[in-house]
N, C-alpha and C. Protein backbone atom coordinates (compact mmCIF):
# COMPACT_ATOMS: atom_id res chain seq x y z
N MET A 1 -3.76 -25.82 31.67
CA MET A 1 -4.14 -24.57 31.02
C MET A 1 -4.44 -24.85 29.55
N ALA A 2 -5.39 -24.15 29.00
CA ALA A 2 -5.82 -24.38 27.61
C ALA A 2 -4.72 -23.97 26.63
N ASP A 3 -4.70 -24.64 25.52
CA ASP A 3 -3.73 -24.34 24.47
C ASP A 3 -4.06 -22.98 23.87
N GLN A 4 -3.08 -22.06 23.80
CA GLN A 4 -3.29 -20.68 23.37
C GLN A 4 -3.02 -20.47 21.88
N ARG A 5 -2.66 -21.53 21.13
CA ARG A 5 -2.37 -21.35 19.71
C ARG A 5 -3.62 -20.96 18.94
N ARG A 6 -3.38 -20.15 17.92
CA ARG A 6 -4.50 -19.73 17.07
C ARG A 6 -4.93 -20.88 16.18
N VAL A 7 -6.22 -21.01 16.02
CA VAL A 7 -6.77 -22.01 15.12
C VAL A 7 -7.22 -21.29 13.87
N PRO A 8 -6.81 -21.75 12.68
CA PRO A 8 -7.26 -21.06 11.46
C PRO A 8 -8.78 -21.01 11.40
N THR A 9 -9.28 -19.81 11.12
CA THR A 9 -10.72 -19.62 11.00
C THR A 9 -11.04 -19.20 9.58
N ARG A 10 -12.27 -19.38 9.21
CA ARG A 10 -12.69 -18.97 7.88
C ARG A 10 -12.81 -17.46 7.85
N GLN A 11 -12.04 -16.83 6.99
CA GLN A 11 -12.05 -15.38 6.85
C GLN A 11 -12.83 -15.01 5.60
N THR A 12 -13.53 -13.92 5.66
CA THR A 12 -14.31 -13.46 4.51
C THR A 12 -13.41 -12.71 3.54
N PRO A 13 -13.28 -13.21 2.31
CA PRO A 13 -12.43 -12.50 1.34
C PRO A 13 -13.12 -11.21 0.89
N PRO A 14 -12.34 -10.21 0.53
CA PRO A 14 -12.93 -8.95 0.07
C PRO A 14 -13.44 -9.08 -1.36
N THR A 15 -14.37 -8.23 -1.72
CA THR A 15 -14.81 -8.18 -3.11
C THR A 15 -13.68 -7.55 -3.93
N PRO A 16 -13.60 -7.90 -5.21
CA PRO A 16 -12.57 -7.27 -6.05
C PRO A 16 -12.67 -5.74 -6.05
N ALA A 17 -13.88 -5.20 -6.03
CA ALA A 17 -14.06 -3.75 -6.03
C ALA A 17 -13.48 -3.12 -4.77
N ARG A 18 -13.71 -3.75 -3.63
CA ARG A 18 -13.18 -3.23 -2.37
C ARG A 18 -11.65 -3.28 -2.36
N ARG A 19 -11.12 -4.37 -2.89
CA ARG A 19 -9.67 -4.55 -2.93
C ARG A 19 -9.02 -3.53 -3.86
N VAL A 20 -9.60 -3.32 -5.03
CA VAL A 20 -9.06 -2.35 -5.99
C VAL A 20 -9.19 -0.92 -5.45
N THR A 21 -10.31 -0.63 -4.80
CA THR A 21 -10.50 0.70 -4.21
C THR A 21 -9.40 0.99 -3.20
N ALA A 22 -9.11 0.03 -2.33
CA ALA A 22 -8.06 0.22 -1.34
C ALA A 22 -6.71 0.43 -2.01
N ALA A 23 -6.41 -0.35 -3.03
CA ALA A 23 -5.12 -0.23 -3.72
C ALA A 23 -4.99 1.14 -4.40
N VAL A 24 -6.06 1.58 -5.04
CA VAL A 24 -6.02 2.88 -5.74
C VAL A 24 -5.88 4.02 -4.73
N LEU A 25 -6.61 3.96 -3.63
CA LEU A 25 -6.50 5.02 -2.62
C LEU A 25 -5.11 5.06 -2.00
N ASP A 26 -4.53 3.89 -1.72
CA ASP A 26 -3.16 3.86 -1.19
C ASP A 26 -2.17 4.43 -2.19
N ALA A 27 -2.33 4.10 -3.47
CA ALA A 27 -1.43 4.63 -4.50
C ALA A 27 -1.59 6.14 -4.64
N LEU A 28 -2.82 6.62 -4.61
CA LEU A 28 -3.05 8.07 -4.70
C LEU A 28 -2.43 8.81 -3.52
N LEU A 29 -2.54 8.23 -2.34
CA LEU A 29 -1.93 8.84 -1.16
C LEU A 29 -0.42 9.00 -1.36
N ALA A 30 0.25 7.95 -1.81
CA ALA A 30 1.70 8.00 -2.01
C ALA A 30 2.07 9.00 -3.10
N VAL A 31 1.35 8.97 -4.22
CA VAL A 31 1.67 9.87 -5.33
C VAL A 31 1.44 11.33 -4.94
N LEU A 32 0.31 11.61 -4.29
CA LEU A 32 0.02 12.99 -3.90
C LEU A 32 1.04 13.52 -2.89
N CYS A 33 1.39 12.69 -1.91
CA CYS A 33 2.41 13.11 -0.94
C CYS A 33 3.75 13.34 -1.63
N GLY A 34 4.09 12.49 -2.60
CA GLY A 34 5.32 12.67 -3.35
C GLY A 34 5.32 13.96 -4.16
N LEU A 35 4.20 14.25 -4.80
CA LEU A 35 4.11 15.49 -5.59
C LEU A 35 4.19 16.73 -4.72
N VAL A 36 3.56 16.69 -3.57
CA VAL A 36 3.63 17.83 -2.65
C VAL A 36 5.07 18.04 -2.16
N ALA A 37 5.73 16.95 -1.79
CA ALA A 37 7.13 17.05 -1.33
C ALA A 37 8.03 17.54 -2.46
N GLY A 38 7.81 17.04 -3.66
CA GLY A 38 8.60 17.49 -4.81
C GLY A 38 8.38 18.96 -5.11
N ALA A 39 7.13 19.38 -5.05
CA ALA A 39 6.83 20.79 -5.29
C ALA A 39 7.48 21.67 -4.23
N ALA A 40 7.43 21.21 -2.98
CA ALA A 40 8.05 21.98 -1.90
C ALA A 40 9.56 22.09 -2.10
N ALA A 41 10.17 21.03 -2.60
CA ALA A 41 11.62 21.05 -2.83
C ALA A 41 11.99 21.90 -4.04
N GLY A 42 11.05 22.11 -4.96
CA GLY A 42 11.34 22.85 -6.18
C GLY A 42 10.97 24.32 -6.14
N ILE A 43 10.54 24.80 -5.00
CA ILE A 43 10.18 26.21 -4.89
C ILE A 43 11.43 27.04 -4.66
N LYS A 44 11.59 28.05 -5.47
CA LYS A 44 12.72 28.96 -5.34
C LYS A 44 12.15 30.37 -5.22
N VAL A 45 12.60 31.08 -4.22
CA VAL A 45 12.12 32.45 -4.00
C VAL A 45 13.11 33.42 -4.62
N VAL A 46 12.61 34.19 -5.59
CA VAL A 46 13.41 35.20 -6.27
C VAL A 46 12.72 36.54 -6.11
N ASP A 47 13.40 37.50 -5.48
CA ASP A 47 12.85 38.83 -5.24
C ASP A 47 11.49 38.77 -4.56
N GLY A 48 11.34 37.89 -3.61
CA GLY A 48 10.09 37.78 -2.85
C GLY A 48 8.98 37.05 -3.57
N VAL A 49 9.27 36.50 -4.76
CA VAL A 49 8.27 35.77 -5.53
C VAL A 49 8.67 34.29 -5.56
N ALA A 50 7.74 33.43 -5.18
CA ALA A 50 8.02 31.99 -5.19
C ALA A 50 7.77 31.43 -6.58
N GLU A 51 8.76 30.72 -7.09
CA GLU A 51 8.63 30.08 -8.39
C GLU A 51 8.86 28.58 -8.24
N LEU A 52 8.05 27.80 -8.91
CA LEU A 52 8.23 26.35 -8.93
C LEU A 52 9.07 26.00 -10.15
N GLN A 53 10.12 25.22 -9.94
CA GLN A 53 11.01 24.83 -11.02
C GLN A 53 10.86 23.34 -11.29
N PRO A 54 9.83 22.94 -12.05
CA PRO A 54 9.57 21.51 -12.27
C PRO A 54 10.63 20.80 -13.10
N GLN A 55 11.49 21.51 -13.80
CA GLN A 55 12.52 20.87 -14.61
C GLN A 55 13.70 20.41 -13.77
N SER A 56 13.76 20.82 -12.53
CA SER A 56 14.88 20.46 -11.66
C SER A 56 14.84 18.98 -11.28
N PRO A 57 15.98 18.28 -11.39
CA PRO A 57 16.02 16.88 -10.96
C PRO A 57 15.74 16.72 -9.46
N THR A 58 16.02 17.76 -8.69
CA THR A 58 15.74 17.72 -7.26
C THR A 58 14.25 17.54 -7.00
N VAL A 59 13.44 18.20 -7.80
CA VAL A 59 11.99 18.10 -7.64
C VAL A 59 11.53 16.66 -7.83
N TRP A 60 11.96 16.04 -8.92
CA TRP A 60 11.48 14.69 -9.24
C TRP A 60 12.13 13.64 -8.34
N GLY A 61 13.38 13.86 -7.95
CA GLY A 61 14.02 12.94 -7.01
C GLY A 61 13.34 12.98 -5.64
N THR A 62 13.01 14.18 -5.18
CA THR A 62 12.31 14.33 -3.91
C THR A 62 10.91 13.74 -3.99
N ALA A 63 10.24 13.97 -5.11
CA ALA A 63 8.88 13.43 -5.29
C ALA A 63 8.89 11.90 -5.26
N LEU A 64 9.84 11.30 -5.98
CA LEU A 64 9.93 9.84 -6.01
C LEU A 64 10.29 9.29 -4.63
N GLY A 65 11.27 9.91 -3.99
CA GLY A 65 11.68 9.46 -2.66
C GLY A 65 10.56 9.56 -1.64
N ALA A 66 9.83 10.66 -1.68
CA ALA A 66 8.72 10.84 -0.73
C ALA A 66 7.60 9.85 -1.01
N ALA A 67 7.30 9.61 -2.28
CA ALA A 67 6.24 8.66 -2.62
C ALA A 67 6.60 7.25 -2.14
N VAL A 68 7.83 6.84 -2.33
CA VAL A 68 8.28 5.51 -1.88
C VAL A 68 8.26 5.46 -0.35
N ALA A 69 8.70 6.52 0.30
CA ALA A 69 8.71 6.55 1.77
C ALA A 69 7.29 6.47 2.35
N VAL A 70 6.37 7.23 1.78
CA VAL A 70 4.98 7.19 2.25
C VAL A 70 4.39 5.81 2.01
N SER A 71 4.68 5.23 0.86
CA SER A 71 4.19 3.89 0.57
C SER A 71 4.73 2.88 1.59
N LEU A 72 6.03 2.95 1.88
CA LEU A 72 6.64 2.05 2.86
C LEU A 72 6.01 2.24 4.25
N LEU A 73 5.88 3.47 4.68
CA LEU A 73 5.27 3.75 5.99
C LEU A 73 3.85 3.23 6.06
N ASN A 74 3.10 3.45 5.00
CA ASN A 74 1.69 3.06 4.96
C ASN A 74 1.51 1.55 4.90
N HIS A 75 2.24 0.90 3.99
CA HIS A 75 2.03 -0.53 3.76
C HIS A 75 2.77 -1.44 4.72
N VAL A 76 3.87 -0.98 5.28
CA VAL A 76 4.63 -1.84 6.18
C VAL A 76 4.41 -1.43 7.64
N PHE A 77 4.78 -0.21 7.99
CA PHE A 77 4.75 0.18 9.40
C PHE A 77 3.32 0.37 9.93
N LEU A 78 2.46 1.03 9.18
CA LEU A 78 1.08 1.18 9.64
C LEU A 78 0.38 -0.17 9.69
N THR A 79 0.65 -1.02 8.71
CA THR A 79 0.04 -2.36 8.71
C THR A 79 0.59 -3.20 9.86
N LEU A 80 1.84 -3.03 10.21
CA LEU A 80 2.41 -3.74 11.35
C LEU A 80 1.69 -3.34 12.64
N ILE A 81 1.35 -2.07 12.75
CA ILE A 81 0.69 -1.57 13.96
C ILE A 81 -0.82 -1.85 13.95
N CYS A 82 -1.48 -1.56 12.84
CA CYS A 82 -2.95 -1.59 12.78
C CYS A 82 -3.53 -2.76 12.00
N ARG A 83 -2.67 -3.59 11.40
CA ARG A 83 -3.09 -4.70 10.53
C ARG A 83 -3.69 -4.23 9.21
N ALA A 84 -3.54 -2.95 8.88
CA ALA A 84 -4.10 -2.44 7.62
C ALA A 84 -3.44 -1.12 7.26
N SER A 85 -3.33 -0.87 5.97
CA SER A 85 -2.88 0.44 5.50
C SER A 85 -4.03 1.42 5.67
N LEU A 86 -3.79 2.69 5.40
CA LEU A 86 -4.82 3.70 5.58
C LEU A 86 -6.06 3.40 4.74
N ALA A 87 -5.87 3.08 3.48
CA ALA A 87 -7.02 2.80 2.61
C ALA A 87 -7.72 1.50 3.00
N LYS A 88 -6.98 0.52 3.46
CA LYS A 88 -7.62 -0.72 3.92
C LYS A 88 -8.46 -0.45 5.17
N LEU A 89 -7.98 0.43 6.04
CA LEU A 89 -8.80 0.81 7.20
C LEU A 89 -10.10 1.48 6.74
N LEU A 90 -9.99 2.35 5.75
CA LEU A 90 -11.17 3.06 5.24
C LEU A 90 -12.16 2.14 4.53
N THR A 91 -11.65 1.10 3.89
CA THR A 91 -12.52 0.20 3.13
C THR A 91 -12.91 -1.06 3.89
N GLY A 92 -12.51 -1.15 5.15
CA GLY A 92 -12.93 -2.27 5.98
C GLY A 92 -12.16 -3.55 5.73
N LEU A 93 -10.89 -3.43 5.37
CA LEU A 93 -10.06 -4.61 5.11
C LEU A 93 -8.94 -4.68 6.13
N ARG A 94 -8.31 -5.83 6.22
CA ARG A 94 -7.11 -5.97 7.05
C ARG A 94 -6.22 -7.05 6.46
N VAL A 95 -4.97 -7.08 6.90
CA VAL A 95 -3.97 -8.03 6.42
C VAL A 95 -3.70 -9.03 7.55
N ILE A 96 -3.75 -10.31 7.22
CA ILE A 96 -3.49 -11.37 8.20
C ILE A 96 -2.50 -12.36 7.63
N ARG A 97 -1.92 -13.18 8.49
CA ARG A 97 -1.11 -14.30 8.03
C ARG A 97 -2.06 -15.35 7.45
N ALA A 98 -1.73 -15.87 6.31
CA ALA A 98 -2.58 -16.87 5.67
C ALA A 98 -2.60 -18.17 6.45
N SER A 99 -1.53 -18.48 7.14
CA SER A 99 -1.41 -19.77 7.83
C SER A 99 -2.34 -19.89 9.03
N ASP A 100 -2.46 -18.83 9.81
CA ASP A 100 -3.24 -18.95 11.04
C ASP A 100 -4.11 -17.74 11.36
N GLY A 101 -4.16 -16.75 10.49
CA GLY A 101 -5.00 -15.58 10.72
C GLY A 101 -4.42 -14.60 11.72
N GLY A 102 -3.15 -14.76 12.10
CA GLY A 102 -2.53 -13.89 13.09
C GLY A 102 -1.98 -12.62 12.48
N ARG A 103 -1.32 -11.85 13.34
CA ARG A 103 -0.70 -10.59 12.90
C ARG A 103 0.42 -10.85 11.91
N PRO A 104 0.52 -10.03 10.88
CA PRO A 104 1.63 -10.17 9.94
C PRO A 104 2.94 -9.73 10.58
N ALA A 105 4.03 -10.36 10.18
CA ALA A 105 5.37 -10.02 10.68
C ALA A 105 6.00 -8.96 9.77
N PHE A 106 7.00 -8.28 10.31
CA PHE A 106 7.66 -7.19 9.59
C PHE A 106 8.22 -7.65 8.24
N LEU A 107 9.00 -8.72 8.23
CA LEU A 107 9.63 -9.16 6.98
C LEU A 107 8.59 -9.61 5.96
N GLY A 108 7.51 -10.21 6.41
CA GLY A 108 6.43 -10.58 5.50
C GLY A 108 5.79 -9.36 4.87
N LEU A 109 5.63 -8.31 5.66
CA LEU A 109 5.04 -7.06 5.13
C LEU A 109 5.98 -6.39 4.13
N VAL A 110 7.28 -6.43 4.41
CA VAL A 110 8.25 -5.87 3.46
C VAL A 110 8.21 -6.66 2.15
N ALA A 111 8.18 -7.98 2.24
CA ALA A 111 8.11 -8.82 1.04
C ALA A 111 6.83 -8.54 0.26
N ARG A 112 5.72 -8.39 0.96
CA ARG A 112 4.43 -8.10 0.31
C ARG A 112 4.48 -6.74 -0.38
N TRP A 113 5.11 -5.75 0.28
CA TRP A 113 5.24 -4.41 -0.28
C TRP A 113 6.07 -4.45 -1.57
N LEU A 114 7.18 -5.17 -1.54
CA LEU A 114 8.02 -5.29 -2.73
C LEU A 114 7.29 -6.03 -3.85
N PHE A 115 6.54 -7.08 -3.49
CA PHE A 115 5.75 -7.80 -4.49
C PHE A 115 4.72 -6.86 -5.12
N GLY A 116 4.19 -5.93 -4.36
CA GLY A 116 3.22 -4.96 -4.90
C GLY A 116 3.81 -4.12 -6.02
N PHE A 117 5.07 -3.71 -5.88
CA PHE A 117 5.73 -2.97 -6.96
C PHE A 117 5.89 -3.85 -8.19
N TYR A 118 6.31 -5.09 -7.97
CA TYR A 118 6.46 -6.04 -9.08
C TYR A 118 5.12 -6.23 -9.78
N TRP A 119 4.06 -6.42 -9.01
CA TRP A 119 2.74 -6.62 -9.58
C TRP A 119 2.32 -5.40 -10.40
N MET A 120 2.59 -4.21 -9.86
CA MET A 120 2.20 -2.97 -10.52
C MET A 120 2.95 -2.78 -11.85
N VAL A 121 4.22 -3.14 -11.87
CA VAL A 121 5.03 -2.92 -13.07
C VAL A 121 4.80 -4.00 -14.13
N VAL A 122 4.59 -5.25 -13.71
CA VAL A 122 4.47 -6.35 -14.66
C VAL A 122 3.02 -6.69 -15.00
N PHE A 123 2.21 -6.95 -14.00
CA PHE A 123 0.89 -7.50 -14.25
C PHE A 123 -0.19 -6.47 -14.57
N VAL A 124 -0.13 -5.30 -13.97
CA VAL A 124 -1.15 -4.30 -14.27
C VAL A 124 -1.11 -3.89 -15.74
N PRO A 125 0.05 -3.59 -16.33
CA PRO A 125 0.06 -3.28 -17.76
C PRO A 125 -0.44 -4.45 -18.62
N LEU A 126 -0.06 -5.68 -18.26
CA LEU A 126 -0.55 -6.84 -19.02
C LEU A 126 -2.06 -6.97 -18.90
N HIS A 127 -2.59 -6.73 -17.74
CA HIS A 127 -4.03 -6.81 -17.52
C HIS A 127 -4.76 -5.76 -18.36
N VAL A 128 -4.21 -4.56 -18.39
CA VAL A 128 -4.85 -3.48 -19.16
C VAL A 128 -4.78 -3.77 -20.65
N VAL A 129 -3.62 -4.21 -21.14
CA VAL A 129 -3.43 -4.46 -22.57
C VAL A 129 -4.28 -5.64 -23.06
N THR A 130 -4.33 -6.72 -22.26
CA THR A 130 -5.05 -7.92 -22.70
C THR A 130 -6.50 -7.96 -22.22
N ASP A 131 -6.90 -7.00 -21.40
CA ASP A 131 -8.26 -6.95 -20.86
C ASP A 131 -8.62 -8.28 -20.19
N SER A 132 -7.68 -8.80 -19.40
CA SER A 132 -7.91 -10.07 -18.72
C SER A 132 -8.67 -9.85 -17.42
N ASP A 133 -9.13 -10.93 -16.84
CA ASP A 133 -9.86 -10.82 -15.57
C ASP A 133 -9.04 -11.39 -14.41
N VAL A 134 -7.72 -11.32 -14.52
CA VAL A 134 -6.84 -11.82 -13.47
C VAL A 134 -6.93 -10.88 -12.28
N GLU A 135 -7.13 -11.46 -11.10
CA GLU A 135 -7.20 -10.66 -9.88
C GLU A 135 -5.86 -10.70 -9.17
N GLN A 136 -5.56 -9.62 -8.44
CA GLN A 136 -4.31 -9.59 -7.68
C GLN A 136 -4.31 -10.70 -6.64
N GLN A 137 -3.18 -11.33 -6.51
CA GLN A 137 -3.04 -12.43 -5.58
C GLN A 137 -2.42 -11.96 -4.27
N ASP A 138 -2.71 -12.69 -3.21
CA ASP A 138 -2.05 -12.42 -1.95
C ASP A 138 -0.61 -12.89 -2.05
N ALA A 139 0.28 -12.26 -1.28
CA ALA A 139 1.71 -12.57 -1.41
C ALA A 139 2.36 -12.70 -0.05
N ALA A 140 3.50 -13.35 -0.03
CA ALA A 140 4.37 -13.46 1.13
C ALA A 140 3.69 -14.11 2.33
N GLY A 141 2.76 -15.01 2.07
CA GLY A 141 2.08 -15.69 3.16
C GLY A 141 1.08 -14.83 3.90
N LEU A 142 0.70 -13.71 3.29
CA LEU A 142 -0.27 -12.80 3.90
C LEU A 142 -1.52 -12.74 3.04
N ARG A 143 -2.63 -12.47 3.65
CA ARG A 143 -3.91 -12.45 2.95
C ARG A 143 -4.68 -11.20 3.37
N ILE A 144 -5.44 -10.65 2.44
CA ILE A 144 -6.33 -9.53 2.73
C ILE A 144 -7.72 -10.10 2.95
N VAL A 145 -8.34 -9.69 4.06
CA VAL A 145 -9.68 -10.16 4.39
C VAL A 145 -10.54 -8.98 4.83
N ARG A 146 -11.85 -9.21 4.88
CA ARG A 146 -12.76 -8.21 5.43
C ARG A 146 -12.59 -8.17 6.94
N ARG A 147 -12.62 -6.98 7.49
CA ARG A 147 -12.57 -6.86 8.95
C ARG A 147 -13.87 -7.30 9.55
N THR A 148 -13.82 -7.97 10.67
CA THR A 148 -15.02 -8.34 11.40
C THR A 148 -15.13 -7.46 12.63
N ALA A 149 -16.26 -7.50 13.30
CA ALA A 149 -16.51 -6.63 14.43
C ALA A 149 -15.50 -6.88 15.56
N ARG A 150 -15.05 -8.10 15.75
CA ARG A 150 -14.13 -8.38 16.85
C ARG A 150 -12.67 -8.27 16.48
N SER A 151 -12.34 -8.01 15.21
CA SER A 151 -10.93 -7.93 14.82
C SER A 151 -10.57 -6.52 14.66
């Protein structure tokens, strides 16, 4: 019987614009879902009138928790199932193992997700301040590539 192991194939890397578009759309999805959840948690009905109380710590705690949860679901669980987050699906990208082009594993996706927060907090501000041309790197043994017709 033929050997069933995957052979590394040449994958088409995404353009920086496509990669940034996917990252921004994924971030907007998480932030907007967080804000909606926070607003819902901060609504108080007084005498039949709904009031939003944005000064409440409950609002911001719920917003942050929901944004992190949506980000985790999108970047880890959806990518585990579909090989791409929602924005990557929309922009024609997918996540693969760098070693052999196979499906990413759960722990690798979690590590990549955590690295994304680190990248966002450390490197994005440095990039903006110094106006450098550093591109985001792939992490945790995973790579972002363009989707092909058969993948």
